[in-house]
N, C-alpha and C. Protein backbone atom coordinates (compact mmCIF):
# COMPACT_ATOMS: atom_id res chain seq x y z
N MET A 1 -23.13 32.61 -2.04
CA MET A 1 -22.60 32.48 -0.67
C MET A 1 -22.10 30.81 -0.56
N THR A 2 -20.99 30.65 -0.06
CA THR A 2 -20.51 29.15 -0.14
C THR A 2 -21.34 28.35 0.93
N SER A 3 -21.61 27.20 0.51
CA SER A 3 -22.44 26.45 1.49
C SER A 3 -21.37 25.77 2.43
N PRO A 4 -21.95 25.36 3.72
CA PRO A 4 -21.15 24.60 4.64
C PRO A 4 -20.41 23.29 3.93
N LEU A 5 -21.16 22.72 3.21
CA LEU A 5 -20.56 21.41 2.67
C LEU A 5 -19.30 21.84 1.68
N ARG A 6 -19.64 22.75 1.01
CA ARG A 6 -18.53 23.39 0.21
C ARG A 6 -17.39 23.91 0.94
N ARG A 7 -17.52 24.68 1.93
CA ARG A 7 -16.32 24.87 2.83
C ARG A 7 -15.63 23.81 3.37
N ARG A 8 -16.54 22.89 3.71
CA ARG A 8 -15.74 21.61 4.32
C ARG A 8 -15.02 20.79 3.15
N THR A 9 -15.40 20.84 2.09
CA THR A 9 -14.85 20.15 0.97
C THR A 9 -13.45 20.94 0.72
N LEU A 10 -13.46 22.11 0.65
CA LEU A 10 -12.42 23.05 0.43
C LEU A 10 -11.47 22.85 1.49
N ALA A 11 -11.68 22.82 2.64
CA ALA A 11 -10.89 22.71 3.87
C ALA A 11 -10.13 21.25 3.69
N VAL A 12 -10.76 20.32 3.30
CA VAL A 12 -10.25 18.85 3.28
C VAL A 12 -9.12 19.05 2.15
N LEU A 13 -9.42 19.67 0.94
CA LEU A 13 -8.47 19.73 -0.07
C LEU A 13 -7.29 20.51 0.27
N ALA A 14 -7.52 21.64 0.97
CA ALA A 14 -6.50 22.43 1.33
C ALA A 14 -5.47 21.70 2.36
N ALA A 15 -5.95 20.92 3.35
CA ALA A 15 -5.14 20.09 4.31
C ALA A 15 -4.29 19.14 3.39
N LEU A 16 -4.96 18.58 2.53
CA LEU A 16 -4.12 17.54 1.56
C LEU A 16 -2.85 18.38 1.06
N ALA A 17 -3.22 19.46 0.27
CA ALA A 17 -2.20 20.22 -0.34
C ALA A 17 -1.04 20.59 0.50
N THR A 18 -1.39 20.89 1.69
CA THR A 18 -0.18 21.34 2.67
C THR A 18 0.52 20.13 3.24
N GLY A 19 0.06 18.82 2.83
CA GLY A 19 0.88 17.85 3.27
C GLY A 19 0.63 17.23 4.77
N LEU A 20 -0.53 17.68 5.36
CA LEU A 20 -1.16 17.27 6.67
C LEU A 20 -1.23 15.82 6.68
N THR A 21 -0.73 15.12 7.58
CA THR A 21 -0.91 13.68 7.61
C THR A 21 -2.47 13.23 7.91
N LEU A 22 -2.75 12.26 7.52
CA LEU A 22 -4.26 11.78 7.72
C LEU A 22 -4.64 11.52 9.09
N SER A 23 -3.62 11.12 10.02
CA SER A 23 -3.82 10.83 11.17
C SER A 23 -4.39 12.09 12.02
N SER A 24 -3.88 13.08 11.56
CA SER A 24 -4.21 14.33 12.26
C SER A 24 -5.47 15.21 11.54
N SER A 25 -6.07 14.55 10.56
CA SER A 25 -7.20 15.23 9.90
C SER A 25 -8.45 14.92 10.70
N ALA A 26 -9.24 15.78 11.15
CA ALA A 26 -10.34 15.40 11.73
C ALA A 26 -11.41 14.72 10.86
N VAL A 27 -11.35 15.01 9.49
CA VAL A 27 -12.23 14.37 8.57
C VAL A 27 -11.86 12.92 8.40
N ALA A 28 -10.48 12.65 8.37
CA ALA A 28 -10.24 11.27 8.15
C ALA A 28 -10.47 10.46 9.40
N ALA A 29 -10.44 11.17 10.49
CA ALA A 29 -10.74 10.40 11.76
C ALA A 29 -12.12 10.07 11.97
N SER A 30 -13.05 11.10 11.87
CA SER A 30 -14.23 10.89 12.19
C SER A 30 -15.13 10.23 10.98
N GLY A 31 -14.70 10.19 9.77
CA GLY A 31 -15.46 9.50 8.68
C GLY A 31 -16.57 10.41 8.30
N ASP A 32 -17.36 9.82 7.25
CA ASP A 32 -18.54 10.65 6.87
C ASP A 32 -19.83 10.52 7.77
N ARG A 33 -20.80 11.30 7.31
CA ARG A 33 -22.13 11.51 8.04
C ARG A 33 -22.75 10.03 8.21
N GLU A 34 -22.34 9.18 7.47
CA GLU A 34 -23.22 7.61 7.44
C GLU A 34 -22.16 6.77 8.29
N GLY A 35 -21.20 7.29 8.91
CA GLY A 35 -20.13 6.50 9.75
C GLY A 35 -19.28 5.67 8.98
N LYS A 36 -19.08 5.73 7.73
CA LYS A 36 -18.11 5.08 6.85
C LYS A 36 -16.84 5.99 6.87
N PRO A 37 -15.62 5.34 6.86
CA PRO A 37 -14.34 5.76 6.74
C PRO A 37 -14.17 6.64 5.72
N ALA A 38 -13.57 7.92 5.96
CA ALA A 38 -13.42 8.88 5.09
C ALA A 38 -12.05 8.39 4.21
N ARG A 39 -11.15 7.88 4.77
CA ARG A 39 -9.96 7.51 4.12
C ARG A 39 -9.53 5.94 4.18
N ALA A 40 -9.10 5.45 3.24
CA ALA A 40 -8.71 4.04 3.18
C ALA A 40 -7.34 3.83 4.00
N SER A 41 -6.97 2.78 4.57
CA SER A 41 -5.83 2.58 5.05
C SER A 41 -5.39 1.08 5.26
N VAL A 42 -4.21 0.71 5.23
CA VAL A 42 -3.82 -0.67 5.67
C VAL A 42 -2.64 -0.51 6.57
N VAL A 43 -2.68 -1.02 7.74
CA VAL A 43 -1.41 -0.93 8.80
C VAL A 43 -1.38 -2.31 9.36
N GLY A 44 -0.06 -2.34 9.89
CA GLY A 44 0.16 -4.00 10.67
C GLY A 44 1.63 -4.39 10.13
N SER A 45 2.06 -5.31 10.96
CA SER A 45 3.21 -6.09 10.54
C SER A 45 3.07 -7.43 10.78
N ALA A 46 3.58 -8.37 9.78
CA ALA A 46 3.33 -9.73 9.77
C ALA A 46 4.31 -10.46 8.90
N GLU A 47 4.52 -11.67 9.55
CA GLU A 47 5.33 -12.66 8.90
C GLU A 47 4.66 -13.52 8.14
N PHE A 48 5.31 -14.21 7.00
CA PHE A 48 4.42 -14.98 6.02
C PHE A 48 5.22 -16.10 5.38
N VAL A 49 4.79 -17.05 4.80
CA VAL A 49 5.57 -18.05 4.16
C VAL A 49 5.30 -18.18 2.63
N LEU A 50 6.19 -18.56 1.91
CA LEU A 50 5.76 -18.97 0.39
C LEU A 50 5.32 -20.25 0.14
N PRO A 51 3.98 -20.31 -0.32
CA PRO A 51 3.45 -21.72 -0.39
C PRO A 51 4.16 -22.54 -1.71
N TYR A 52 4.97 -21.76 -2.50
CA TYR A 52 5.59 -22.64 -3.46
C TYR A 52 7.06 -22.96 -3.14
N TYR A 53 7.67 -22.28 -2.15
CA TYR A 53 9.06 -22.61 -1.70
C TYR A 53 9.28 -22.68 -0.40
N LYS A 54 9.56 -23.87 -0.03
CA LYS A 54 9.86 -24.07 1.54
C LYS A 54 11.27 -23.91 2.12
N ASP A 55 11.61 -23.01 3.06
CA ASP A 55 12.71 -22.90 3.45
C ASP A 55 12.71 -22.24 5.03
N ASP A 56 13.76 -22.01 5.84
CA ASP A 56 13.83 -21.63 7.10
C ASP A 56 13.89 -20.04 7.08
N ASP A 57 13.80 -19.21 5.97
CA ASP A 57 13.78 -17.99 6.21
C ASP A 57 12.78 -17.24 6.73
N ILE A 58 12.87 -16.11 7.23
CA ILE A 58 11.77 -15.34 7.89
C ILE A 58 11.47 -14.08 7.06
N ARG A 59 10.12 -13.97 6.39
CA ARG A 59 9.95 -12.82 5.73
C ARG A 59 8.91 -12.07 6.34
N SER A 60 8.74 -10.85 6.01
CA SER A 60 7.77 -9.93 6.71
C SER A 60 7.45 -8.75 6.01
N PHE A 61 6.35 -8.19 6.13
CA PHE A 61 6.19 -6.76 5.58
C PHE A 61 5.52 -5.87 6.55
N THR A 62 5.84 -4.69 6.82
CA THR A 62 5.23 -3.80 7.62
C THR A 62 4.56 -2.69 6.87
N PHE A 63 3.28 -2.22 6.98
CA PHE A 63 2.49 -1.26 6.24
C PHE A 63 2.05 -0.27 7.22
N ASP A 64 2.26 0.92 6.82
CA ASP A 64 1.62 2.02 7.34
C ASP A 64 1.30 2.99 6.27
N ALA A 65 0.11 2.64 5.69
CA ALA A 65 -0.37 3.16 4.09
C ALA A 65 -1.52 3.97 4.40
N HIS A 66 -1.84 5.11 3.98
CA HIS A 66 -3.17 5.83 4.06
C HIS A 66 -3.47 6.52 2.86
N GLY A 67 -4.68 6.53 2.49
CA GLY A 67 -5.22 7.20 1.34
C GLY A 67 -5.21 8.72 1.46
N ALA A 68 -4.78 9.30 0.49
CA ALA A 68 -4.45 10.86 0.33
C ALA A 68 -5.11 11.29 -1.04
N PRO A 69 -6.30 10.97 -1.37
CA PRO A 69 -6.72 11.19 -2.72
C PRO A 69 -6.57 12.68 -3.25
N TYR A 70 -6.35 12.61 -4.51
CA TYR A 70 -5.80 13.97 -5.28
C TYR A 70 -4.93 14.84 -4.87
N SER A 71 -3.88 14.15 -4.03
CA SER A 71 -2.75 14.76 -3.63
C SER A 71 -1.38 14.83 -4.32
N ARG A 72 -1.48 13.97 -5.47
CA ARG A 72 -0.13 13.94 -6.08
C ARG A 72 -0.44 14.34 -7.71
N PRO A 73 -0.49 15.52 -7.87
CA PRO A 73 -0.64 16.00 -9.21
C PRO A 73 0.22 15.44 -10.34
N LEU A 74 -0.23 15.07 -11.52
CA LEU A 74 0.50 14.72 -12.72
C LEU A 74 0.40 15.61 -13.80
N PRO A 75 1.43 15.62 -14.80
CA PRO A 75 1.46 16.43 -15.83
C PRO A 75 0.17 16.63 -16.51
N ALA A 76 -0.42 15.43 -16.96
CA ALA A 76 -1.74 15.41 -17.57
C ALA A 76 -2.86 15.21 -16.69
N ILE A 77 -2.58 15.18 -15.33
CA ILE A 77 -3.95 15.00 -14.51
C ILE A 77 -3.53 15.66 -13.15
N PRO A 78 -3.67 17.20 -13.54
CA PRO A 78 -3.34 17.97 -12.34
C PRO A 78 -4.00 17.96 -11.08
N THR A 79 -5.16 17.28 -11.13
CA THR A 79 -6.00 17.16 -9.67
C THR A 79 -5.33 15.89 -9.05
N GLY A 80 -4.54 15.09 -9.65
CA GLY A 80 -4.01 13.75 -9.03
C GLY A 80 -5.17 12.76 -9.31
N LEU A 81 -4.94 11.65 -8.45
CA LEU A 81 -5.98 10.50 -8.71
C LEU A 81 -6.63 10.25 -7.36
N PRO A 82 -7.96 9.43 -7.43
CA PRO A 82 -8.55 9.14 -6.13
C PRO A 82 -7.69 7.99 -5.34
N THR A 83 -6.82 7.45 -6.11
CA THR A 83 -5.99 6.41 -5.34
C THR A 83 -4.69 6.87 -4.71
N ASP A 84 -4.40 8.16 -4.91
CA ASP A 84 -3.17 8.80 -4.28
C ASP A 84 -2.97 8.36 -2.85
N ALA A 85 -1.88 8.18 -2.30
CA ALA A 85 -1.77 7.72 -0.94
C ALA A 85 -0.42 8.06 -0.50
N GLN A 86 -0.25 8.00 0.80
CA GLN A 86 1.04 8.32 1.61
C GLN A 86 1.38 7.31 2.64
N GLY A 87 2.59 7.32 3.19
CA GLY A 87 3.05 6.27 4.11
C GLY A 87 4.07 5.57 3.68
N THR A 88 4.33 4.35 4.52
CA THR A 88 5.69 3.63 4.25
C THR A 88 5.30 2.16 4.17
N ILE A 89 6.28 1.51 3.57
CA ILE A 89 6.42 0.05 3.74
C ILE A 89 7.73 -0.46 4.25
N LEU A 90 7.78 -1.53 4.97
CA LEU A 90 9.07 -1.93 5.40
C LEU A 90 9.28 -3.68 4.95
N ILE A 91 10.14 -4.03 4.11
CA ILE A 91 10.28 -5.27 3.70
C ILE A 91 11.50 -5.76 4.53
N SER A 92 11.26 -7.04 5.21
CA SER A 92 12.41 -7.64 5.83
C SER A 92 12.29 -9.10 5.57
N HIS A 93 13.65 -9.53 5.09
CA HIS A 93 13.95 -10.88 4.84
C HIS A 93 15.18 -11.47 5.48
N TYR A 94 15.16 -12.54 6.40
CA TYR A 94 16.13 -13.03 7.07
C TYR A 94 16.42 -14.22 6.30
N SER A 95 17.80 -14.27 5.85
CA SER A 95 18.15 -15.50 5.39
C SER A 95 18.83 -16.34 6.20
N ALA A 96 18.16 -17.57 6.47
CA ALA A 96 18.86 -18.72 7.34
C ALA A 96 20.13 -19.10 6.86
N GLU A 97 20.37 -19.32 5.42
CA GLU A 97 21.54 -19.79 4.97
C GLU A 97 22.74 -18.87 5.46
N ARG A 98 22.35 -17.55 5.19
CA ARG A 98 23.49 -16.47 5.30
C ARG A 98 23.41 -15.94 6.69
N ASN A 99 22.52 -16.24 7.55
CA ASN A 99 22.37 -15.73 8.82
C ASN A 99 22.33 -14.01 8.68
N ILE A 100 21.74 -13.45 7.91
CA ILE A 100 21.55 -11.87 7.59
C ILE A 100 20.15 -11.58 7.45
N THR A 101 19.95 -10.29 7.96
CA THR A 101 18.59 -9.83 7.50
C THR A 101 18.69 -8.61 6.60
N TYR A 102 17.94 -8.69 5.48
CA TYR A 102 17.96 -7.80 4.52
C TYR A 102 16.61 -6.72 4.70
N THR A 103 16.69 -5.59 4.52
CA THR A 103 15.69 -4.77 4.71
C THR A 103 15.45 -3.76 3.58
N SER A 104 14.31 -3.26 3.25
CA SER A 104 13.80 -2.16 2.24
C SER A 104 12.83 -1.50 2.82
N LYS A 105 13.11 -0.19 2.56
CA LYS A 105 11.94 0.74 2.92
C LYS A 105 11.37 1.51 1.68
N GLY A 106 10.06 1.69 1.73
CA GLY A 106 9.52 2.32 0.47
C GLY A 106 8.56 3.39 0.91
N SER A 107 8.25 4.44 0.08
CA SER A 107 7.38 5.53 0.00
C SER A 107 6.32 5.15 -0.69
N VAL A 108 5.05 4.92 0.07
CA VAL A 108 3.65 4.85 -0.48
C VAL A 108 3.18 5.81 -1.36
N ASP A 109 2.91 5.48 -2.83
CA ASP A 109 2.21 6.47 -3.62
C ASP A 109 0.79 6.11 -4.13
N CYS A 110 0.30 4.86 -3.71
CA CYS A 110 -1.04 4.43 -4.45
C CYS A 110 -1.58 3.52 -3.40
N LEU A 111 -2.91 3.46 -3.26
CA LEU A 111 -3.63 2.65 -2.37
C LEU A 111 -5.14 2.68 -2.81
N VAL A 112 -5.51 1.47 -2.90
CA VAL A 112 -7.04 1.15 -3.27
C VAL A 112 -7.33 -0.20 -2.67
N THR A 113 -8.63 -0.02 -1.98
CA THR A 113 -9.11 -1.07 -0.98
C THR A 113 -10.55 -1.46 -1.58
N GLY A 114 -10.80 -2.84 -1.09
CA GLY A 114 -12.16 -3.34 -1.19
C GLY A 114 -12.36 -3.93 0.36
N PRO A 115 -13.60 -4.58 0.40
CA PRO A 115 -13.69 -4.89 1.95
C PRO A 115 -12.68 -6.09 2.24
N ARG A 116 -11.92 -5.79 3.25
CA ARG A 116 -10.97 -6.94 3.78
C ARG A 116 -9.74 -6.93 2.84
N THR A 117 -9.78 -6.03 1.60
CA THR A 117 -8.31 -6.13 0.81
C THR A 117 -7.82 -4.86 0.44
N ALA A 118 -6.57 -5.01 0.12
CA ALA A 118 -5.90 -3.69 -0.29
C ALA A 118 -4.75 -3.88 -1.23
N THR A 119 -4.45 -3.09 -2.09
CA THR A 119 -3.50 -3.02 -2.91
C THR A 119 -2.56 -1.80 -2.85
N VAL A 120 -1.21 -1.85 -2.57
CA VAL A 120 -0.36 -0.83 -2.29
C VAL A 120 0.81 -0.63 -3.31
N THR A 121 1.19 0.40 -3.77
CA THR A 121 2.37 0.66 -4.47
C THR A 121 3.24 1.51 -3.55
N ALA A 122 4.59 1.30 -3.79
CA ALA A 122 5.68 2.17 -3.05
C ALA A 122 7.03 2.24 -3.97
N VAL A 123 7.66 3.35 -3.72
CA VAL A 123 8.86 3.42 -4.49
C VAL A 123 9.75 3.32 -3.40
N ILE A 124 10.93 2.48 -3.78
CA ILE A 124 11.87 1.96 -2.42
C ILE A 124 12.88 3.14 -2.48
N THR A 125 13.08 3.53 -1.11
CA THR A 125 14.01 4.71 -0.83
C THR A 125 15.10 4.22 -0.26
N GLU A 126 15.15 3.18 0.54
CA GLU A 126 16.32 2.78 1.41
C GLU A 126 16.49 1.18 1.09
N VAL A 127 17.65 0.81 1.01
CA VAL A 127 17.85 -0.75 0.96
C VAL A 127 19.22 -1.04 1.75
N SER A 128 19.19 -1.99 2.52
CA SER A 128 20.46 -2.54 3.13
C SER A 128 21.33 -3.18 2.21
N PRO A 129 22.49 -3.12 2.55
CA PRO A 129 23.61 -3.89 1.57
C PRO A 129 23.18 -5.42 1.24
N GLY A 130 23.00 -5.60 -0.16
CA GLY A 130 22.74 -6.93 -0.48
C GLY A 130 21.10 -7.16 -0.54
N GLY A 131 20.28 -6.04 -0.24
CA GLY A 131 18.74 -6.18 -0.17
C GLY A 131 18.20 -5.97 -1.54
N TRP A 132 16.94 -6.21 -1.56
CA TRP A 132 16.08 -6.17 -2.67
C TRP A 132 14.60 -5.65 -2.22
N PRO A 133 13.97 -4.99 -3.20
CA PRO A 133 14.46 -4.34 -4.39
C PRO A 133 15.22 -3.15 -4.52
N PRO A 134 15.91 -2.82 -5.64
CA PRO A 134 16.65 -1.47 -5.52
C PRO A 134 15.97 -0.31 -5.42
N VAL A 135 16.73 0.64 -4.96
CA VAL A 135 16.30 2.08 -4.64
C VAL A 135 15.84 2.52 -5.92
N GLY A 136 14.55 3.27 -5.87
CA GLY A 136 14.04 3.91 -7.17
C GLY A 136 13.05 3.02 -7.95
N GLN A 137 12.99 1.51 -7.57
CA GLN A 137 11.97 0.77 -8.15
C GLN A 137 10.60 0.80 -7.53
N ARG A 138 9.55 0.83 -8.28
CA ARG A 138 8.11 0.86 -7.62
C ARG A 138 7.73 -0.60 -7.32
N VAL A 139 7.18 -0.88 -6.38
CA VAL A 139 6.82 -2.42 -6.01
C VAL A 139 5.42 -2.28 -5.75
N GLY A 140 4.73 -3.68 -5.91
CA GLY A 140 3.32 -3.60 -5.67
C GLY A 140 2.95 -4.75 -4.56
N LEU A 141 2.25 -4.53 -3.63
CA LEU A 141 1.88 -5.49 -2.56
C LEU A 141 0.36 -5.40 -2.18
N SER A 142 -0.05 -6.62 -1.92
CA SER A 142 -1.55 -6.67 -1.74
C SER A 142 -1.63 -7.34 -0.36
N VAL A 143 -3.08 -7.15 0.35
CA VAL A 143 -3.19 -7.63 1.68
C VAL A 143 -4.61 -8.13 1.66
N TYR A 144 -4.65 -9.27 2.16
CA TYR A 144 -6.08 -9.80 2.56
C TYR A 144 -6.26 -9.85 4.31
N ASP A 145 -7.18 -9.06 4.68
CA ASP A 145 -7.27 -9.08 6.05
C ASP A 145 -8.53 -10.11 6.55
N GLY A 146 -7.94 -11.09 6.96
CA GLY A 146 -8.83 -12.31 7.16
C GLY A 146 -9.32 -12.20 8.53
N GLY A 147 -8.95 -11.34 9.44
CA GLY A 147 -9.33 -11.45 10.83
C GLY A 147 -8.59 -12.40 11.61
N ARG A 148 -9.32 -13.06 12.69
CA ARG A 148 -8.67 -14.23 13.42
C ARG A 148 -9.52 -15.29 13.30
N ASP A 149 -8.82 -16.63 12.93
CA ASP A 149 -9.59 -17.84 13.23
C ASP A 149 -9.11 -18.64 14.34
N LYS A 150 -9.76 -18.88 15.45
CA LYS A 150 -9.30 -19.63 16.50
C LYS A 150 -7.82 -19.27 17.17
N GLY A 151 -7.74 -17.88 17.09
CA GLY A 151 -6.54 -17.18 17.63
C GLY A 151 -5.40 -17.16 16.61
N ARG A 152 -5.63 -17.62 15.35
CA ARG A 152 -4.59 -17.54 14.14
C ARG A 152 -4.89 -16.74 13.17
N SER A 153 -4.01 -15.75 12.94
CA SER A 153 -4.41 -14.90 11.68
C SER A 153 -4.62 -15.58 10.40
N ALA A 154 -5.73 -15.23 9.65
CA ALA A 154 -6.01 -15.77 8.43
C ALA A 154 -5.68 -14.78 7.24
N ASP A 155 -4.86 -13.82 7.59
CA ASP A 155 -4.41 -12.76 6.70
C ASP A 155 -3.51 -13.45 5.68
N ARG A 156 -3.39 -12.70 4.60
CA ARG A 156 -2.50 -13.17 3.58
C ARG A 156 -1.93 -11.92 2.72
N VAL A 157 -0.76 -12.07 2.04
CA VAL A 157 0.01 -10.97 1.37
C VAL A 157 0.23 -11.45 -0.07
N GLY A 158 0.53 -10.36 -0.72
CA GLY A 158 1.20 -10.72 -2.22
C GLY A 158 2.41 -9.79 -2.55
N PHE A 159 3.07 -9.97 -3.29
CA PHE A 159 4.00 -9.06 -3.74
C PHE A 159 4.56 -9.14 -5.17
N SER A 160 5.06 -8.22 -5.84
CA SER A 160 5.35 -8.06 -7.37
C SER A 160 6.70 -8.40 -7.80
N TRP A 161 7.54 -9.01 -6.82
CA TRP A 161 8.88 -9.45 -7.48
C TRP A 161 9.09 -10.92 -7.19
N ASN A 162 10.38 -11.39 -7.20
CA ASN A 162 10.80 -12.93 -7.12
C ASN A 162 9.96 -13.65 -8.08
N GLY A 163 9.93 -13.37 -9.26
CA GLY A 163 9.46 -14.11 -10.45
C GLY A 163 8.06 -13.84 -10.63
N LEU A 164 7.47 -13.19 -9.89
CA LEU A 164 5.82 -12.89 -9.78
C LEU A 164 5.40 -11.72 -10.90
N ASN A 165 6.36 -11.19 -11.54
CA ASN A 165 5.87 -9.96 -12.38
C ASN A 165 6.85 -10.04 -13.53
N LEU A 166 7.01 -11.21 -14.17
CA LEU A 166 7.92 -11.18 -15.32
C LEU A 166 7.42 -10.74 -16.71
N ARG A 167 8.34 -10.50 -17.77
CA ARG A 167 7.92 -10.04 -18.99
C ARG A 167 8.66 -10.98 -19.93
N PRO A 168 8.15 -12.19 -20.32
CA PRO A 168 8.82 -13.20 -21.11
C PRO A 168 8.84 -12.50 -22.58
N GLU A 169 9.95 -12.72 -23.25
CA GLU A 169 10.12 -12.38 -24.57
C GLU A 169 10.94 -13.32 -25.47
N ASP A 170 10.19 -14.16 -26.32
CA ASP A 170 10.94 -15.09 -27.17
C ASP A 170 11.59 -16.12 -26.24
N ASP A 171 12.97 -16.36 -26.71
CA ASP A 171 13.81 -17.39 -25.84
C ASP A 171 14.65 -16.50 -24.89
N ALA A 172 14.53 -15.23 -24.77
CA ALA A 172 15.56 -14.55 -23.78
C ALA A 172 14.96 -14.76 -22.48
N ASP A 173 16.03 -14.59 -21.37
CA ASP A 173 15.74 -14.57 -20.18
C ASP A 173 14.66 -13.64 -19.87
N PRO A 174 13.50 -14.02 -19.01
CA PRO A 174 12.54 -12.98 -18.66
C PRO A 174 12.98 -12.02 -17.79
N GLU A 175 12.52 -10.73 -17.87
CA GLU A 175 13.11 -9.71 -17.03
C GLU A 175 11.58 -9.33 -16.36
N ASP A 176 11.81 -8.56 -15.11
CA ASP A 176 10.95 -7.89 -14.16
C ASP A 176 10.32 -6.88 -15.04
N ALA A 177 9.17 -6.96 -15.24
CA ALA A 177 8.14 -5.94 -15.68
C ALA A 177 7.86 -4.60 -14.82
N PRO A 178 7.98 -3.50 -15.28
CA PRO A 178 7.71 -2.47 -14.62
C PRO A 178 6.27 -2.54 -13.89
N VAL A 179 6.19 -2.00 -12.77
CA VAL A 179 5.03 -1.92 -11.90
C VAL A 179 4.26 -0.75 -11.92
N GLY A 180 3.21 -0.55 -12.30
CA GLY A 180 2.34 0.68 -12.42
C GLY A 180 1.87 0.92 -10.89
N THR A 181 1.17 2.04 -10.82
CA THR A 181 0.43 2.60 -9.54
C THR A 181 -0.68 1.55 -9.20
N CYS A 182 -0.66 1.07 -7.98
CA CYS A 182 -1.75 0.20 -7.46
C CYS A 182 -1.98 -1.05 -8.08
N MET A 183 -0.55 -1.60 -8.58
CA MET A 183 -0.74 -2.89 -9.44
C MET A 183 0.03 -3.85 -8.53
N ALA A 184 -0.50 -5.06 -8.15
CA ALA A 184 0.00 -6.17 -7.48
C ALA A 184 -0.68 -7.45 -7.67
N PRO A 185 -0.10 -8.65 -7.51
CA PRO A 185 -0.84 -9.76 -7.63
C PRO A 185 -1.66 -10.08 -6.42
N ALA A 186 -2.60 -11.11 -6.62
CA ALA A 186 -3.63 -11.48 -5.41
C ALA A 186 -2.59 -11.87 -4.23
N PRO A 187 -3.29 -11.54 -2.95
CA PRO A 187 -2.45 -12.10 -1.83
C PRO A 187 -2.44 -13.58 -1.57
N PHE A 188 -1.35 -14.09 -2.00
CA PHE A 188 -1.29 -15.40 -2.26
C PHE A 188 -0.32 -16.23 -0.92
N ALA A 189 0.43 -15.38 -0.19
CA ALA A 189 1.19 -16.00 0.74
C ALA A 189 0.48 -15.94 2.18
N PRO A 190 0.33 -17.02 2.75
CA PRO A 190 -0.24 -17.15 4.14
C PRO A 190 0.47 -16.31 5.31
N VAL A 191 -0.11 -15.60 6.19
CA VAL A 191 0.56 -15.06 7.28
C VAL A 191 0.81 -15.94 8.37
N THR A 192 1.91 -15.94 9.03
CA THR A 192 2.17 -16.99 9.99
C THR A 192 2.22 -16.28 11.41
N ARG A 193 2.47 -15.15 11.52
CA ARG A 193 2.71 -14.53 12.71
C ARG A 193 2.40 -12.91 12.41
N GLY A 194 1.63 -12.39 13.44
CA GLY A 194 1.33 -10.91 13.27
C GLY A 194 -0.04 -10.87 12.39
N GLY A 195 -0.30 -9.55 11.78
CA GLY A 195 -1.54 -9.42 11.20
C GLY A 195 -1.58 -8.07 10.42
N TYR A 196 -2.71 -7.73 9.68
CA TYR A 196 -2.81 -6.40 9.18
C TYR A 196 -4.19 -6.21 9.24
N THR A 197 -4.62 -5.01 9.27
CA THR A 197 -5.77 -4.32 9.44
C THR A 197 -6.04 -3.28 8.10
N VAL A 198 -7.23 -3.83 7.57
CA VAL A 198 -7.62 -3.00 6.10
C VAL A 198 -8.72 -2.14 6.55
N THR A 199 -8.63 -0.91 6.41
CA THR A 199 -9.75 0.06 6.42
C THR A 199 -10.37 0.20 5.20
N HIS A 200 -11.37 -0.22 4.68
CA HIS A 200 -11.91 0.16 3.38
C HIS A 200 -12.89 1.54 3.20
N ALA A 201 -12.47 2.26 2.12
CA ALA A 201 -13.17 3.47 2.07
C ALA A 201 -13.36 3.50 0.49
N GLU A 202 -14.63 3.84 0.11
CA GLU A 202 -14.92 4.32 -1.40
C GLU A 202 -14.04 5.21 -1.99
N LEU A 203 -13.49 5.05 -3.06
CA LEU A 203 -12.82 6.13 -3.78
C LEU A 203 -13.66 7.50 -4.06
N PRO A 204 -13.24 8.48 -3.44
CA PRO A 204 -14.14 9.81 -3.65
C PRO A 204 -14.08 10.32 -5.19
N PRO A 205 -15.13 11.08 -5.44
CA PRO A 205 -15.19 11.91 -6.66
C PRO A 205 -14.21 12.86 -7.04
N MET A 206 -13.97 13.16 -8.21
CA MET A 206 -13.06 14.29 -8.48
C MET A 206 -13.39 15.63 -7.70
N PRO A 207 -12.47 16.20 -7.20
CA PRO A 207 -12.80 17.56 -6.87
C PRO A 207 -13.24 18.55 -7.80
N SER A 208 -14.16 19.70 -7.50
CA SER A 208 -14.49 20.57 -8.34
C SER A 208 -13.30 21.54 -8.79
N THR A 209 -13.08 21.90 -9.82
CA THR A 209 -12.16 22.78 -10.20
C THR A 209 -12.77 24.07 -10.28
N SER A 210 -14.03 24.42 -10.03
CA SER A 210 -14.72 25.81 -9.85
C SER A 210 -14.43 26.60 -8.69
N ASP A 211 -14.48 27.69 -8.63
CA ASP A 211 -14.40 28.66 -7.47
C ASP A 211 -15.74 28.53 -6.57
């Protein structure tokens, strides 16, 4: 006879397999019996500055990323991974010199969190004319959710392009290195407006393959 816990586990896996969003999942909303979140997430929108490059440009990231463990089967890993995720990112960069805003949109494929921290990767699906990164490229982003300090956000972000993920080889010009799932530099750029909320959840164990 199937136990209530076993039936609940199978129900969660079935929901993920049919592509239900986490926001509509009762399990994701309620968390586990100890009150811990059942699924990790990072949401929010914020502008930030580059500490190593001063200009009048306005850069921002918007996250709507949610963990969906074991929902993306791979050829050698049919169960998928505990870091599988879904959602979107939006990259926006206003160039003061050109007086134009470039945008890129990506589909989230991986999310891993720790207390107040998150690393997200996404594959770029849409790019405005002249924008970056190109369609089809995976990018990595990181978030530190610092809360608020005297009314000002203490959040930070990081990202994997603009010279931060190079592959130097001898005397040749360095090229951007490929980004693997859930890979990104530490969140180095201070947020100046807006903010992010990271909901941490432990990575769940692999689902049972038995009936």
